[in-house]
Amino acid sequence: DQEEQLSSYENQVRYYTEVITRNPEYELVDIYADEGISGTNTKKRD
């Protein structure tokens, strides 16, 4: 949700995708990511 963090958005998605897919005990359902949206409430966090 911070402007300066937007550049790391794709990196974060890539990181968690790799963490889950490498662990044989995990099965990836989906990546849920709201880019640039404040976490103070959930109304606009699709």
All heavy atoms as atom14 arrays in JSON, in Angstrom:
{
  "sequence": "DQEEQLSSYENQVRYYTEVITRNPEYELVDIYADEGISGTNTKKRD",
  "atom14_mask": [
    [1, 1, 1, 1, 1, 1, 1, 1, 0, 0, 0, 0, 0, 0],
    [1, 1, 1, 1, 1, 1, 1, 1, 1, 0, 0, 0, 0, 0],
    [1, 1, 1, 1, 1, 1, 1, 1, 1, 0, 0, 0, 0, 0],
    [1, 1, 1, 1, 1, 1, 1, 1, 1, 0, 0, 0, 0, 0],
    [1, 1, 1, 1, 1, 1, 1, 1, 1, 0, 0, 0, 0, 0],
    [1, 1, 1, 1, 1, 1, 1, 1, 0, 0, 0, 0, 0, 0],
    [1, 1, 1, 1, 1, 1, 0, 0, 0, 0, 0, 0, 0, 0],
    [1, 1, 1, 1, 1, 1, 0, 0, 0, 0, 0, 0, 0, 0],
    [1, 1, 1, 1, 1, 1, 1, 1, 1, 1, 1, 1, 0, 0],
    [1, 1, 1, 1, 1, 1, 1, 1, 1, 0, 0, 0, 0, 0],
    [1, 1, 1, 1, 1, 1, 1, 1, 0, 0, 0, 0, 0, 0],
    [1, 1, 1, 1, 1, 1, 1, 1, 1, 0, 0, 0, 0, 0],
    [1, 1, 1, 1, 1, 1, 1, 0, 0, 0, 0, 0, 0, 0],
    [1, 1, 1, 1, 1, 1, 1, 1, 1, 1, 1, 0, 0, 0],
    [1, 1, 1, 1, 1, 1, 1, 1, 1, 1, 1, 1, 0, 0],
    [1, 1, 1, 1, 1, 1, 1, 1, 1, 1, 1, 1, 0, 0],
    [1, 1, 1, 1, 1, 1, 1, 0, 0, 0, 0, 0, 0, 0],
    [1, 1, 1, 1, 1, 1, 1, 1, 1, 0, 0, 0, 0, 0],
    [1, 1, 1, 1, 1, 1, 1, 0, 0, 0, 0, 0, 0, 0],
    [1, 1, 1, 1, 1, 1, 1, 1, 0, 0, 0, 0, 0, 0],
    [1, 1, 1, 1, 1, 1, 1, 0, 0, 0, 0, 0, 0, 0],
    [1, 1, 1, 1, 1, 1, 1, 1, 1, 1, 1, 0, 0, 0],
    [1, 1, 1, 1, 1, 1, 1, 1, 0, 0, 0, 0, 0, 0],
    [1, 1, 1, 1, 1, 1, 1, 0, 0, 0, 0, 0, 0, 0],
    [1, 1, 1, 1, 1, 1, 1, 1, 1, 0, 0, 0, 0, 0],
    [1, 1, 1, 1, 1, 1, 1, 1, 1, 1, 1, 1, 0, 0],
    [1, 1, 1, 1, 1, 1, 1, 1, 1, 0, 0, 0, 0, 0],
    [1, 1, 1, 1, 1, 1, 1, 1, 0, 0, 0, 0, 0, 0],
    [1, 1, 1, 1, 1, 1, 1, 0, 0, 0, 0, 0, 0, 0],
    [1, 1, 1, 1, 1, 1, 1, 1, 0, 0, 0, 0, 0, 0],
    [1, 1, 1, 1, 1, 1, 1, 1, 0, 0, 0, 0, 0, 0],
    [1, 1, 1, 1, 1, 1, 1, 1, 1, 1, 1, 1, 0, 0],
    [1, 1, 1, 1, 1, 0, 0, 0, 0, 0, 0, 0, 0, 0],
    [1, 1, 1, 1, 1, 1, 1, 1, 0, 0, 0, 0, 0, 0],
    [1, 1, 1, 1, 1, 1, 1, 1, 1, 0, 0, 0, 0, 0],
    [1, 1, 1, 1, 0, 0, 0, 0, 0, 0, 0, 0, 0, 0],
    [1, 1, 1, 1, 1, 1, 1, 1, 0, 0, 0, 0, 0, 0],
    [1, 1, 1, 1, 1, 1, 0, 0, 0, 0, 0, 0, 0, 0],
    [1, 1, 1, 1, 0, 0, 0, 0, 0, 0, 0, 0, 0, 0],
    [1, 1, 1, 1, 1, 1, 1, 0, 0, 0, 0, 0, 0, 0],
    [1, 1, 1, 1, 1, 1, 1, 1, 0, 0, 0, 0, 0, 0],
    [1, 1, 1, 1, 1, 1, 1, 0, 0, 0, 0, 0, 0, 0],
    [1, 1, 1, 1, 1, 1, 1, 1, 1, 0, 0, 0, 0, 0],
    [1, 1, 1, 1, 1, 1, 1, 1, 1, 0, 0, 0, 0, 0],
    [1, 1, 1, 1, 1, 1, 1, 1, 1, 1, 1, 0, 0, 0],
    [1, 1, 1, 1, 1, 1, 1, 1, 0, 0, 0, 0, 0, 0]
  ],
  "atom14_positions": [
    [[0.79, -1.22, 0.0], [0.0, 0.0, 0.0], [0.82, 1.27, 0.0], [0.27, 2.34, 0.05], [-0.98, 0.0, 1.17], [-0.26, -0.03, 2.51], [0.89, -0.5, 2.57], [-0.85, 0.43, 3.48], [0.0, 0.0, 0.0], [0.0, 0.0, 0.0], [0.0, 0.0, 0.0], [0.0, 0.0, 0.0], [0.0, 0.0, 0.0], [0.0, 0.0, 0.0]],
    [[2.11, 1.18, -0.02], [2.95, 2.37, -0.07], [3.56, 2.51, -1.46], [3.96, 1.52, -2.07], [4.07, 2.3, 0.98], [3.54, 2.22, 2.4], [2.67, 3.4, 2.74], [3.07, 4.53, 2.48], [1.51, 3.16, 3.29], [0.0, 0.0, 0.0], [0.0, 0.0, 0.0], [0.0, 0.0, 0.0], [0.0, 0.0, 0.0], [0.0, 0.0, 0.0]],
    [[3.59, 3.72, -1.95], [4.03, 3.98, -3.31], [5.41, 3.41, -3.6], [5.66, 2.84, -4.65], [4.0, 5.49, -3.58], [4.26, 5.86, -5.02], [4.08, 7.35, -5.26], [3.48, 8.01, -4.43], [4.55, 7.83, -6.3], [0.0, 0.0, 0.0], [0.0, 0.0, 0.0], [0.0, 0.0, 0.0], [0.0, 0.0, 0.0], [0.0, 0.0, 0.0]],
    [[6.29, 3.57, -2.62], [7.64, 3.1, -2.83], [7.74, 1.57, -2.84], [8.75, 1.01, -3.26], [8.57, 3.67, -1.77], [8.26, 3.23, -0.34], [7.35, 4.22, 0.36], [6.6, 4.93, -0.35], [7.34, 4.29, 1.61], [0.0, 0.0, 0.0], [0.0, 0.0, 0.0], [0.0, 0.0, 0.0], [0.0, 0.0, 0.0], [0.0, 0.0, 0.0]],
    [[6.7, 0.9, -2.4], [6.71, -0.55, -2.35], [6.16, -1.2, -3.62], [6.28, -2.41, -3.81], [5.92, -1.05, -1.15], [6.52, -0.67, 0.19], [5.6, -1.0, 1.35], [4.39, -1.04, 1.19], [6.17, -1.24, 2.51], [0.0, 0.0, 0.0], [0.0, 0.0, 0.0], [0.0, 0.0, 0.0], [0.0, 0.0, 0.0], [0.0, 0.0, 0.0]],
    [[5.56, -0.39, -4.47], [4.94, -0.96, -5.65], [5.93, -1.68, -6.54], [5.6, -2.64, -7.22], [4.23, 0.15, -6.44], [3.02, 0.8, -5.76], [2.42, 1.87, -6.65], [1.98, -0.23, -5.41], [0.0, 0.0, 0.0], [0.0, 0.0, 0.0], [0.0, 0.0, 0.0], [0.0, 0.0, 0.0], [0.0, 0.0, 0.0], [0.0, 0.0, 0.0]],
    [[7.19, -1.23, -6.54], [8.21, -1.85, -7.37], [8.51, -3.28, -6.93], [9.01, -4.09, -7.7], [9.49, -1.01, -7.35], [9.98, -0.9, -6.03], [0.0, 0.0, 0.0], [0.0, 0.0, 0.0], [0.0, 0.0, 0.0], [0.0, 0.0, 0.0], [0.0, 0.0, 0.0], [0.0, 0.0, 0.0], [0.0, 0.0, 0.0], [0.0, 0.0, 0.0]],
    [[8.24, -3.61, -5.66], [8.53, -4.94, -5.13], [7.34, -5.88, -5.24], [7.42, -7.03, -4.82], [8.98, -4.84, -3.67], [7.93, -4.36, -2.86], [0.0, 0.0, 0.0], [0.0, 0.0, 0.0], [0.0, 0.0, 0.0], [0.0, 0.0, 0.0], [0.0, 0.0, 0.0], [0.0, 0.0, 0.0], [0.0, 0.0, 0.0], [0.0, 0.0, 0.0]],
    [[6.24, -5.37, -5.77], [5.02, -6.17, -5.85], [5.25, -7.5, -6.6], [4.93, -8.57, -6.09], [3.92, -5.34, -6.53], [2.67, -6.11, -6.88], [1.72, -6.42, -5.93], [2.45, -6.52, -8.2], [0.58, -7.11, -6.26], [1.31, -7.21, -8.55], [0.37, -7.5, -7.57], [-0.76, -8.19, -7.89], [0.0, 0.0, 0.0], [0.0, 0.0, 0.0]],
    [[5.8, -7.42, -7.8], [6.02, -8.63, -8.59], [7.01, -9.57, -7.91], [6.85, -10.8, -7.99], [6.52, -8.24, -9.98], [5.48, -7.52, -10.82], [5.98, -7.22, -12.22], [7.18, -7.49, -12.49], [5.2, -6.69, -13.04], [0.0, 0.0, 0.0], [0.0, 0.0, 0.0], [0.0, 0.0, 0.0], [0.0, 0.0, 0.0], [0.0, 0.0, 0.0]],
    [[8.0, -9.0, -7.25], [8.97, -9.83, -6.54], [8.31, -10.61, -5.41], [8.63, -11.79, -5.18], [10.1, -8.97, -5.97], [10.99, -8.38, -7.06], [11.09, -8.94, -8.15], [11.63, -7.25, -6.76], [0.0, 0.0, 0.0], [0.0, 0.0, 0.0], [0.0, 0.0, 0.0], [0.0, 0.0, 0.0], [0.0, 0.0, 0.0], [0.0, 0.0, 0.0]],
    [[7.4, -9.94, -4.69], [6.71, -10.62, -3.61], [5.84, -11.76, -4.13], [5.79, -12.84, -3.55], [5.86, -9.62, -2.82], [6.68, -8.61, -2.03], [5.8, -7.68, -1.2], [4.87, -8.13, -0.56], [6.11, -6.41, -1.23], [0.0, 0.0, 0.0], [0.0, 0.0, 0.0], [0.0, 0.0, 0.0], [0.0, 0.0, 0.0], [0.0, 0.0, 0.0]],
    [[5.13, -11.51, -5.22], [4.31, -12.56, -5.82], [5.17, -13.74, -6.26], [4.84, -14.9, -6.0], [3.51, -12.0, -7.02], [2.81, -13.14, -7.77], [2.5, -10.96, -6.56], [0.0, 0.0, 0.0], [0.0, 0.0, 0.0], [0.0, 0.0, 0.0], [0.0, 0.0, 0.0], [0.0, 0.0, 0.0], [0.0, 0.0, 0.0], [0.0, 0.0, 0.0]],
    [[6.32, -13.44, -6.9], [7.23, -14.49, -7.36], [7.79, -15.29, -6.18], [7.87, -16.52, -6.23], [8.37, -13.87, -8.16], [9.26, -14.89, -8.86], [10.42, -14.22, -9.61], [9.96, -13.22, -10.55], [10.1, -11.91, -10.39], [10.74, -11.45, -9.33], [9.65, -11.05, -11.28], [0.0, 0.0, 0.0], [0.0, 0.0, 0.0], [0.0, 0.0, 0.0]],
    [[8.15, -14.6, -5.11], [8.73, -15.25, -3.94], [7.78, -16.28, -3.35], [8.16, -17.44, -3.1], [9.11, -14.21, -2.9], [9.45, -14.78, -1.54], [10.68, -15.39, -1.31], [8.52, -14.72, -0.51], [10.98, -15.94, -0.07], [8.81, -15.26, 0.74], [10.04, -15.87, 0.95], [10.33, -16.41, 2.19], [0.0, 0.0, 0.0], [0.0, 0.0, 0.0]],
    [[6.52, -15.87, -3.08], [5.59, -16.78, -2.45], [5.14, -17.9, -3.37], [4.83, -19.01, -2.92], [4.39, -16.01, -1.9], [4.72, -15.29, -0.61], [4.97, -13.93, -0.6], [4.84, -15.99, 0.59], [5.32, -13.27, 0.57], [5.19, -15.35, 1.76], [5.44, -14.0, 1.75], [5.8, -13.37, 2.92], [0.0, 0.0, 0.0], [0.0, 0.0, 0.0]],
    [[5.12, -17.63, -4.64], [4.82, -18.7, -5.59], [5.89, -19.8, -5.53], [5.58, -20.99, -5.49], [4.72, -18.14, -7.02], [3.71, -17.13, -7.08], [4.37, -19.25, -8.01], [0.0, 0.0, 0.0], [0.0, 0.0, 0.0], [0.0, 0.0, 0.0], [0.0, 0.0, 0.0], [0.0, 0.0, 0.0], [0.0, 0.0, 0.0], [0.0, 0.0, 0.0]],
    [[7.16, -19.38, -5.47], [8.27, -20.34, -5.39], [8.28, -21.08, -4.06], [8.52, -22.29, -4.02], [9.59, -19.61, -5.61], [9.78, -19.07, -7.02], [11.05, -18.26, -7.16], [11.73, -18.04, -6.12], [11.37, -17.81, -8.29], [0.0, 0.0, 0.0], [0.0, 0.0, 0.0], [0.0, 0.0, 0.0], [0.0, 0.0, 0.0], [0.0, 0.0, 0.0]],
    [[8.03, -20.37, -2.94], [8.02, -21.0, -1.61], [7.0, -22.13, -1.55], [7.28, -23.23, -1.05], [7.73, -19.96, -0.51], [7.39, -20.64, 0.81], [8.92, -19.04, -0.32], [0.0, 0.0, 0.0], [0.0, 0.0, 0.0], [0.0, 0.0, 0.0], [0.0, 0.0, 0.0], [0.0, 0.0, 0.0], [0.0, 0.0, 0.0], [0.0, 0.0, 0.0]],
    [[5.83, -21.88, -2.07], [4.75, -22.86, -1.98], [4.95, -24.01, -2.96], [4.76, -25.18, -2.6], [3.39, -22.18, -2.21], [3.12, -21.17, -1.08], [2.25, -23.19, -2.3], [1.93, -20.28, -1.32], [0.0, 0.0, 0.0], [0.0, 0.0, 0.0], [0.0, 0.0, 0.0], [0.0, 0.0, 0.0], [0.0, 0.0, 0.0], [0.0, 0.0, 0.0]],
    [[5.36, -23.72, -4.16], [5.52, -24.78, -5.16], [6.71, -25.7, -4.84], [6.7, -26.88, -5.22], [5.69, -24.18, -6.57], [6.77, -23.22, -6.56], [4.42, -23.49, -7.02], [0.0, 0.0, 0.0], [0.0, 0.0, 0.0], [0.0, 0.0, 0.0], [0.0, 0.0, 0.0], [0.0, 0.0, 0.0], [0.0, 0.0, 0.0], [0.0, 0.0, 0.0]],
    [[7.73, -25.18, -4.12], [8.88, -26.0, -3.76], [8.58, -26.94, -2.59], [9.27, -27.94, -2.4], [10.08, -25.12, -3.39], [10.77, -24.49, -4.58], [12.2, -24.07, -4.22], [12.24, -23.2, -3.06], [12.31, -21.89, -3.11], [12.34, -21.28, -4.29], [12.33, -21.17, -2.0], [0.0, 0.0, 0.0], [0.0, 0.0, 0.0], [0.0, 0.0, 0.0]],
    [[7.6, -26.62, -1.78], [7.28, -27.45, -0.61], [6.3, -28.54, -1.03], [5.16, -28.26, -1.41], [6.68, -26.58, 0.49], [6.62, -27.3, 1.83], [6.38, -28.51, 1.9], [6.81, -26.55, 2.91], [0.0, 0.0, 0.0], [0.0, 0.0, 0.0], [0.0, 0.0, 0.0], [0.0, 0.0, 0.0], [0.0, 0.0, 0.0], [0.0, 0.0, 0.0]],
    [[6.7, -29.81, -0.91], [5.82, -30.91, -1.33], [4.56, -31.04, -0.49], [3.59, -31.68, -0.92], [6.72, -32.14, -1.19], [7.75, -31.76, -0.18], [8.0, -30.31, -0.39], [0.0, 0.0, 0.0], [0.0, 0.0, 0.0], [0.0, 0.0, 0.0], [0.0, 0.0, 0.0], [0.0, 0.0, 0.0], [0.0, 0.0, 0.0], [0.0, 0.0, 0.0]],
    [[4.56, -30.45, 0.73], [3.39, -30.53, 1.59], [2.34, -29.48, 1.24], [1.22, -29.52, 1.76], [3.8, -30.36, 3.06], [4.72, -31.47, 3.56], [5.06, -31.31, 5.03], [4.55, -30.34, 5.65], [5.82, -32.14, 5.57], [0.0, 0.0, 0.0], [0.0, 0.0, 0.0], [0.0, 0.0, 0.0], [0.0, 0.0, 0.0], [0.0, 0.0, 0.0]],
    [[2.75, -28.55, 0.39], [1.83, -27.46, -0.01], [1.3, -27.69, -1.4], [1.98, -28.23, -2.27], [2.53, -26.1, 0.03], [2.92, -25.62, 1.4], [3.91, -24.64, 1.56], [2.3, -26.11, 2.55], [4.28, -24.17, 2.81], [2.66, -25.64, 3.81], [3.66, -24.69, 3.93], [4.03, -24.22, 5.17], [0.0, 0.0, 0.0], [0.0, 0.0, 0.0]],
    [[0.07, -27.26, -1.61], [-0.51, -27.2, -2.94], [-1.04, -25.78, -3.14], [-1.89, -25.32, -2.38], [-1.66, -28.21, -3.09], [-2.29, -28.17, -4.49], [-3.45, -29.16, -4.62], [-3.61, -30.02, -3.73], [-4.19, -29.04, -5.62], [0.0, 0.0, 0.0], [0.0, 0.0, 0.0], [0.0, 0.0, 0.0], [0.0, 0.0, 0.0], [0.0, 0.0, 0.0]],
    [[-0.51, -25.1, -4.12], [-0.88, -23.7, -4.35], [-2.31, -23.6, -4.89], [-2.63, -24.14, -5.94], [0.09, -23.06, -5.34], [-0.19, -21.58, -5.7], [-0.07, -20.69, -4.47], [0.77, -21.11, -6.8], [0.0, 0.0, 0.0], [0.0, 0.0, 0.0], [0.0, 0.0, 0.0], [0.0, 0.0, 0.0], [0.0, 0.0, 0.0], [0.0, 0.0, 0.0]],
    [[-3.15, -22.91, -4.13], [-4.51, -22.64, -4.58], [-4.53, -21.41, -5.47], [-5.03, -21.42, -6.58], [-5.46, -22.44, -3.37], [-6.87, -22.06, -3.86], [-5.51, -23.7, -2.52], [0.0, 0.0, 0.0], [0.0, 0.0, 0.0], [0.0, 0.0, 0.0], [0.0, 0.0, 0.0], [0.0, 0.0, 0.0], [0.0, 0.0, 0.0], [0.0, 0.0, 0.0]],
    [[-3.93, -20.31, -4.96], [-3.88, -19.06, -5.72], [-3.0, -18.07, -4.97], [-2.68, -18.26, -3.8], [-5.27, -18.47, -5.9], [-5.37, -17.59, -7.15], [-4.31, -17.2, -7.7], [-6.51, -17.29, -7.56], [0.0, 0.0, 0.0], [0.0, 0.0, 0.0], [0.0, 0.0, 0.0], [0.0, 0.0, 0.0], [0.0, 0.0, 0.0], [0.0, 0.0, 0.0]],
    [[-2.61, -17.03, -5.68], [-1.93, -15.89, -5.08], [-2.95, -14.75, -5.01], [-3.52, -14.34, -6.02], [-0.71, -15.43, -5.91], [0.35, -16.52, -5.95], [-0.15, -14.14, -5.34], [1.05, -16.75, -4.63], [0.0, 0.0, 0.0], [0.0, 0.0, 0.0], [0.0, 0.0, 0.0], [0.0, 0.0, 0.0], [0.0, 0.0, 0.0], [0.0, 0.0, 0.0]],
    [[-3.19, -14.26, -3.8], [-4.15, -13.19, -3.58], [-3.39, -11.93, -3.25], [-2.77, -11.82, -2.17], [-5.12, -13.55, -2.45], [-5.86, -14.85, -2.68], [-5.3, -16.07, -2.28], [-7.1, -14.87, -3.29], [-5.96, -17.26, -2.47], [-7.79, -16.07, -3.5], [-7.21, -17.26, -3.08], [-7.88, -18.46, -3.28], [0.0, 0.0, 0.0], [0.0, 0.0, 0.0]],
    [[-3.4, -10.98, -4.14], [-2.58, -9.79, -3.97], [-3.33, -8.55, -4.42], [-3.76, -8.48, -5.57], [-1.27, -9.93, -4.75], [0.0, 0.0, 0.0], [0.0, 0.0, 0.0], [0.0, 0.0, 0.0], [0.0, 0.0, 0.0], [0.0, 0.0, 0.0], [0.0, 0.0, 0.0], [0.0, 0.0, 0.0], [0.0, 0.0, 0.0], [0.0, 0.0, 0.0]],
    [[-3.49, -7.58, -3.53], [-4.11, -6.3, -3.84], [-3.02, -5.26, -3.95], [-2.45, -4.82, -2.94], [-5.13, -5.89, -2.76], [-6.35, -6.79, -2.76], [-7.03, -6.84, -3.78], [-6.61, -7.43, -1.72], [0.0, 0.0, 0.0], [0.0, 0.0, 0.0], [0.0, 0.0, 0.0], [0.0, 0.0, 0.0], [0.0, 0.0, 0.0], [0.0, 0.0, 0.0]],
    [[-2.71, -4.85, -5.15], [-1.6, -3.94, -5.38], [-1.99, -2.51, -5.09], [-2.95, -1.97, -5.63], [-1.12, -4.05, -6.82], [0.09, -3.18, -7.13], [0.54, -3.32, -8.57], [-0.13, -4.01, -9.34], [1.59, -2.73, -8.91], [0.0, 0.0, 0.0], [0.0, 0.0, 0.0], [0.0, 0.0, 0.0], [0.0, 0.0, 0.0], [0.0, 0.0, 0.0]],
    [[-1.23, -1.88, -4.18], [-1.4, -0.46, -3.92], [-2.67, -0.1, -3.17], [-3.11, 1.04, -3.2], [0.0, 0.0, 0.0], [0.0, 0.0, 0.0], [0.0, 0.0, 0.0], [0.0, 0.0, 0.0], [0.0, 0.0, 0.0], [0.0, 0.0, 0.0], [0.0, 0.0, 0.0], [0.0, 0.0, 0.0], [0.0, 0.0, 0.0], [0.0, 0.0, 0.0]],
    [[-3.29, -1.06, -2.48], [-4.52, -0.82, -1.74], [-4.23, -0.83, -0.25], [-3.56, -1.74, 0.25], [-5.6, -1.88, -2.06], [-5.84, -1.97, -3.56], [-6.89, -1.57, -1.31], [-6.44, -0.79, -4.15], [0.0, 0.0, 0.0], [0.0, 0.0, 0.0], [0.0, 0.0, 0.0], [0.0, 0.0, 0.0], [0.0, 0.0, 0.0], [0.0, 0.0, 0.0]],
    [[-4.76, 0.17, 0.48], [-4.54, 0.26, 1.91], [-5.17, -0.92, 2.65], [-6.24, -1.41, 2.27], [-5.13, 1.56, 2.46], [-5.1, 1.58, 3.86], [0.0, 0.0, 0.0], [0.0, 0.0, 0.0], [0.0, 0.0, 0.0], [0.0, 0.0, 0.0], [0.0, 0.0, 0.0], [0.0, 0.0, 0.0], [0.0, 0.0, 0.0], [0.0, 0.0, 0.0]],
    [[-4.51, -1.37, 3.71], [-5.02, -2.46, 4.51], [-5.84, -2.01, 5.71], [-6.17, -2.81, 6.57], [0.0, 0.0, 0.0], [0.0, 0.0, 0.0], [0.0, 0.0, 0.0], [0.0, 0.0, 0.0], [0.0, 0.0, 0.0], [0.0, 0.0, 0.0], [0.0, 0.0, 0.0], [0.0, 0.0, 0.0], [0.0, 0.0, 0.0], [0.0, 0.0, 0.0]],
    [[-6.17, -0.73, 5.8], [-6.92, -0.23, 6.94], [-8.36, -0.71, 6.93], [-9.02, -0.74, 7.96], [-6.91, 1.3, 7.01], [-7.33, 1.83, 5.74], [-5.51, 1.81, 7.33], [0.0, 0.0, 0.0], [0.0, 0.0, 0.0], [0.0, 0.0, 0.0], [0.0, 0.0, 0.0], [0.0, 0.0, 0.0], [0.0, 0.0, 0.0], [0.0, 0.0, 0.0]],
    [[-8.9, -1.07, 5.78], [-10.21, -1.71, 5.72], [-10.24, -2.64, 4.51], [-9.37, -2.59, 3.65], [-11.36, -0.69, 5.67], [-11.34, 0.17, 4.42], [-11.58, -0.33, 3.33], [-11.07, 1.47, 4.58], [0.0, 0.0, 0.0], [0.0, 0.0, 0.0], [0.0, 0.0, 0.0], [0.0, 0.0, 0.0], [0.0, 0.0, 0.0], [0.0, 0.0, 0.0]],
    [[-11.25, -3.49, 4.43], [-11.3, -4.53, 3.4], [-12.3, -4.25, 2.28], [-12.45, -5.07, 1.38], [-11.64, -5.89, 4.06], [-12.95, -5.8, 4.68], [-10.62, -6.24, 5.12], [0.0, 0.0, 0.0], [0.0, 0.0, 0.0], [0.0, 0.0, 0.0], [0.0, 0.0, 0.0], [0.0, 0.0, 0.0], [0.0, 0.0, 0.0], [0.0, 0.0, 0.0]],
    [[-12.97, -3.11, 2.31], [-14.04, -2.84, 1.35], [-13.57, -2.88, -0.09], [-14.25, -3.39, -0.97], [-14.69, -1.5, 1.67], [-15.5, -1.48, 2.96], [-16.15, -0.14, 3.17], [-16.97, -0.13, 4.47], [-17.62, 1.2, 4.7], [0.0, 0.0, 0.0], [0.0, 0.0, 0.0], [0.0, 0.0, 0.0], [0.0, 0.0, 0.0], [0.0, 0.0, 0.0]],
    [[-12.39, -2.3, -0.37], [-11.91, -2.21, -1.75], [-10.8, -3.21, -2.06], [-10.17, -3.13, -3.1], [-11.43, -0.78, -2.03], [-12.53, 0.26, -1.92], [-12.02, 1.64, -2.25], [-13.12, 2.68, -2.15], [-12.64, 4.05, -2.48], [0.0, 0.0, 0.0], [0.0, 0.0, 0.0], [0.0, 0.0, 0.0], [0.0, 0.0, 0.0], [0.0, 0.0, 0.0]],
    [[-10.59, -4.16, -1.15], [-9.55, -5.17, -1.35], [-10.17, -6.4, -2.01], [-10.53, -7.38, -1.36], [-8.88, -5.51, -0.03], [-8.19, -4.32, 0.62], [-7.6, -4.68, 1.97], [-6.51, -5.63, 1.83], [-5.94, -6.28, 2.86], [-6.39, -6.08, 4.09], [-4.95, -7.13, 2.64], [0.0, 0.0, 0.0], [0.0, 0.0, 0.0], [0.0, 0.0, 0.0]],
    [[-10.28, -6.35, -3.32], [-11.0, -7.4, -4.05], [-10.37, -8.78, -3.87], [-11.08, -9.76, -3.65], [-11.05, -7.04, -5.55], [-11.89, -5.79, -5.81], [-12.75, -5.47, -4.96], [-11.68, -5.15, -6.85], [0.0, 0.0, 0.0], [0.0, 0.0, 0.0], [0.0, 0.0, 0.0], [0.0, 0.0, 0.0], [0.0, 0.0, 0.0], [0.0, 0.0, 0.0]]
  ]
}
